[in-house]
Amino acid sequence: QVQLVESGGGLVQAGGSLRLSCAASGLTFSSYAMGWFRQAPGKEREFVATITGSGGSTYYADSVKGRFTISRDNAKNAVYLQMNSLKPGDTAVYFCAARPGSGSISRLGYDAWGQGTQVTVSS
């Protein structure tokens, strides 16, 4: 049973920071690329960031580039999203997801998803 559990969301003022965590179980973690996606009310779920299984490469959506950092610790079966300089437009439910092999900016191919954690940025 593959399980992903996000944590670390909350309420923060614009310009502040949050660090999201995702704990994985039931999979060979290093064989999976990991991704972060987010979904605001009334909007489609969108790509945020992805990282290769080894942690050697990362890729970000233009909207978060320079502000967010994705990382992973394979010894802990965990992936993280450090979010700095947060804006009200970052308000959304954030999901982590696992994809066998290489990563993708599309939701296609990610075969396991967490339940999501709420991030709210006040102006």
Protein backbone atom coordinates (compact mmCIF):
# COMPACT_ATOMS: atom_id res chain seq x y z
CA GLN A 1 0.00 0.00 0.00
CA VAL A 2 1.65 3.19 -1.20
CA GLN A 3 0.94 6.10 1.11
CA LEU A 4 1.98 9.74 0.95
CA VAL A 5 1.23 12.10 3.83
CA GLU A 6 1.79 15.85 3.61
CA SER A 7 2.30 18.16 6.57
CA GLY A 8 3.49 21.67 7.34
CA GLY A 9 0.73 23.77 5.85
CA GLY A 10 -0.80 26.69 7.66
CA LEU A 11 -1.57 30.40 7.65
CA VAL A 12 1.22 32.85 6.91
CA GLN A 13 1.45 36.54 6.01
CA ALA A 14 2.61 37.65 2.58
CA GLY A 15 6.38 37.60 2.42
CA GLY A 16 6.64 34.80 4.93
CA SER A 17 7.86 31.23 4.61
CA LEU A 18 6.61 27.69 5.12
CA ARG A 19 8.24 24.29 4.75
CA LEU A 20 6.04 21.42 3.57
CA SER A 21 6.95 17.78 4.17
CA CYS A 22 5.75 14.59 2.52
CA ALA A 23 6.41 11.20 4.10
CA ALA A 24 6.25 8.17 1.81
CA SER A 25 5.77 4.49 2.59
CA GLY A 26 5.04 1.31 0.66
CA LEU A 27 7.34 2.04 -2.29
CA THR A 28 10.99 1.90 -3.28
CA PHE A 29 11.34 5.62 -2.73
CA SER A 30 14.55 6.28 -4.67
CA SER A 31 13.01 4.72 -7.81
CA TYR A 32 10.36 7.46 -7.95
CA ALA A 33 10.51 11.02 -9.06
CA MET A 34 8.50 13.19 -6.70
CA GLY A 35 6.38 16.20 -7.46
CA TRP A 36 4.44 18.95 -5.76
CA PHE A 37 1.15 20.21 -7.19
CA ARG A 38 -1.36 22.72 -5.88
CA GLN A 39 -5.04 23.48 -6.34
CA ALA A 40 -6.83 26.69 -5.45
CA PRO A 41 -10.63 26.86 -5.10
CA GLY A 42 -12.31 26.75 -8.49
CA LYS A 43 -9.05 26.17 -10.34
CA GLU A 44 -7.36 23.19 -11.96
CA ARG A 45 -4.61 21.37 -10.12
CA GLU A 46 -1.30 22.79 -11.32
CA PHE A 47 2.31 21.71 -11.32
CA VAL A 48 4.68 23.35 -8.84
CA ALA A 49 7.97 21.42 -8.75
CA THR A 50 9.53 18.02 -9.34
CA ILE A 51 12.72 16.24 -8.35
CA THR A 52 14.40 13.12 -9.73
CA GLY A 53 14.72 9.93 -7.72
CA SER A 54 18.35 10.60 -6.89
CA GLY A 55 17.69 14.24 -6.09
CA GLY A 56 20.13 15.29 -8.79
CA SER A 57 17.76 17.42 -10.88
CA THR A 58 14.85 19.73 -10.15
CA TYR A 59 12.34 21.64 -12.22
CA TYR A 60 9.94 24.43 -11.23
CA ALA A 61 6.91 26.19 -12.54
CA ASP A 62 7.70 29.74 -13.65
CA SER A 63 5.33 31.12 -11.03
CA VAL A 64 7.44 29.78 -8.15
CA LYS A 65 10.94 29.76 -9.62
CA GLY A 66 13.39 31.54 -7.35
CA ARG A 67 11.03 31.40 -4.37
CA PHE A 68 10.41 27.67 -3.81
CA THR A 69 12.91 24.84 -3.39
CA ILE A 70 12.14 21.13 -3.65
CA SER A 71 14.43 18.62 -1.97
CA ARG A 72 14.37 15.01 -0.80
CA ASP A 73 15.98 12.78 1.79
CA ASN A 74 15.89 9.21 0.52
CA ALA A 75 17.14 7.85 3.84
CA LYS A 76 13.98 9.25 5.42
CA ASN A 77 11.63 8.54 2.50
CA ALA A 78 10.68 12.20 2.50
CA VAL A 79 10.35 15.09 0.08
CA TYR A 80 10.13 18.76 1.05
CA LEU A 81 9.01 22.06 -0.40
CA GLN A 82 10.58 25.17 1.08
CA MET A 83 8.39 28.15 0.20
CA ASN A 84 9.79 31.66 0.65
CA SER A 85 8.46 35.11 -0.24
CA LEU A 86 4.93 33.76 -0.22
CA LYS A 87 2.18 35.65 -2.03
CA PRO A 88 -1.60 35.52 -1.65
CA GLY A 89 -1.68 33.82 -5.06
CA ASP A 90 0.15 30.86 -3.52
CA THR A 91 -2.92 30.05 -1.42
CA ALA A 92 -3.98 26.51 -2.31
CA VAL A 93 -4.08 22.92 -1.17
CA TYR A 94 -0.65 21.44 -1.84
CA PHE A 95 -0.26 17.79 -2.84
CA CYS A 96 2.80 15.60 -3.14
CA ALA A 97 2.86 12.81 -5.72
CA ALA A 98 5.11 9.92 -6.76
CA ARG A 99 5.96 8.93 -10.34
CA PRO A 100 7.91 5.79 -11.32
CA GLY A 101 11.05 6.68 -13.21
CA SER A 102 11.30 10.25 -14.47
CA GLY A 103 9.28 13.23 -13.37
CA SER A 104 6.77 15.26 -15.31
CA ILE A 105 4.97 18.60 -15.22
CA SER A 106 1.75 16.73 -16.00
CA ARG A 107 -0.36 14.82 -13.48
CA LEU A 108 -0.24 11.86 -15.87
CA GLY A 109 2.04 9.09 -14.66
CA TYR A 110 1.97 10.06 -11.00
CA ASP A 111 0.40 6.95 -9.49
CA ALA A 112 0.26 7.92 -5.83
CA TRP A 113 -0.99 11.13 -4.23
CA GLY A 114 -1.18 12.51 -0.74
CA GLN A 115 -4.29 13.95 0.84
CA GLY A 116 -3.08 17.53 0.59
CA THR A 117 -2.18 20.24 3.08
CA GLN A 118 -3.71 23.73 3.12
CA VAL A 119 -1.50 26.78 2.64
CA THR A 120 -3.13 30.17 3.16
CA VAL A 121 -1.24 33.42 2.55
CA SER A 122 -2.84 36.60 3.85
CA SER A 123 -2.25 40.02 2.30
